[in-house]
Structures are given as structure tokens and as C-alpha cells.
Amino acid sequence: MEKRKWENMNEDCLVNIFKRLTLESQLLDIRVVCKSWNRTLRNPLCWQQLVFPPITHPRLSDSHGLIKCVVNRSQGCATTLALPNECSREELIYVSEKCPALKMLTLPLFLCRNHSDIIPSLMVKWKNLEFLSLGDSSSTIQILEHICSNLPNLSGLSITDGYIDHETALAIVSLAPKLKYLVLEGAELDKENLVLILQGCKQLVKLDVRNCIGFDADDEDISKLASGIKNFLCAGSIAEQYSWEDHGWV
């Protein structure tokens, strides 16, 4: 029996494989295997999931204009986008115009802080957005104010390692009460503000508040309020942050 060659594989099958690979593999490995694979990479469906590594990555550090180049290859088909901290203001605006079909968006810590003045207004361009992940909590209120009435499909929000004060918790409850997925892992989150979220977001099916500081994981009041949430995660959370002095180590 004649062996089938990889380069002769059906293009639809190749697209289904290539779109699951990392950007590094797509840009630097796949295209040099053979002509048919390189030709398949021109299909914009290969570029639906754009998860950028740090631009300082050793194999990509010399790639000038990497973000624009990759976004152009998607031809508006990208549904998942995770930008690097190194994303410039110009590139962020460009992405907001060229990726109208986004469903999942991740903005890391320093990108959020460096461009906090324009991010809220750009968010409304992603009408199909379903899940938003923020690496910084400082602009959460402004972002929610802009998107609450413009993004009807938003069902998931992630703010990791942030500070969820009363104003932020109140904004989540009042501006995004229909959230189904909320991730606040590693945040500073007082019991009072967690209770506010539990009482206000009635449609939650997943709430991740693991490793938070501000409440105890075994708090009975919290457990009772969260009993109706299908996937409630709170392991590792403590009421107060212990210091070296508390343990007599200094």
C-alpha cells in the first residue's frame, strides 16, 4: 500500500491542525516544511486564535511589526486574541479595527496600564466579545461603563491578581449582573465585597476566587451564599496576608 504524504493532506484537515498551533510554530516552523503547507497557512482560518508570546521571545525578538503582520493574515477572522505587554498604542488601535469578530480578548498588566486612557473606548468595537481578561483592575470600572450596553454577548470576565475594592465590586454587580463566568484569582478581595458580588451576580455558573486575600476559604457565610454556583473555587484564600514578622522570622 502506498504511503500517504503529509504534504498531500486535505487542506481543511491542515487548517484544523495549524490553527491549534502556537504563533511561533506557525510563523517559524510550518511555513518552511513544504510548499503546500506554506500555501495552506495563507488561509485566514489558520489565524483565528492569536495568542502572542512576549515580543522579547528569542525567536521573535527581531520581528518588526509582528502584531500587524499576524493580524493581517487573519483577514478579520480572528476570534481569540491575547496581546503581549509590548503592544504599542498604534498597534492596539489597529487591532481594534482589524479584528471585528473577536469573542475572547486578553489584555495583560502593563498593556492595561500603559493604554488605560483608550482601552475603554476601543472595547465597544468588539460587538461579539464573550470573554474579557484583564491583567489590571484599575480601569475595570471605566471599561464596564463603556461595554455594559454595547456588548450584549459578554458572559465572562477575568481580573487576576488585582485589587477589587467596593467601587469595583459594585461596578461588576451593577454593570455586568448577567455574567456567567467570573475569575478573580489572586486578588485582594474583602469578604464584604465578595458577598456583594455573590448577592448581585445571580447567573454565575463559575466563580474563581482562589488564593485571594481578604476572606477565609472556609468561611461559612461565603460557602452558603455560593452554594448555588455550579463551580465555586476558593481554595487558598485567607482573611489576612501574613508577613515575615507574624511568624517571627525577622
Foldseek 3Di string as FASTA:
>chain_A
DDDDDPLPDDLVVLLVVLLPDAPCCLVPPQLPPDPSSVVSLLQLSSLQAHADDACVPVVRVPPPPVLVVSLVSNQQNHAHHEDHLPQDPVSVLVSLVSHQNHAEYEDADNNCVVPVPCVLVSVLSNQNHAEYEYNEQPSQLSNLVSPLVRHPNHAYYEYELYECDQVNLVSCLPRPLAHAYYHHENYAAAPVSLVSNLVRNPNHQAYHHAQYEHDDLPDPVNCVSCVPHNHYHYHNYYRHDDDCVNVPND
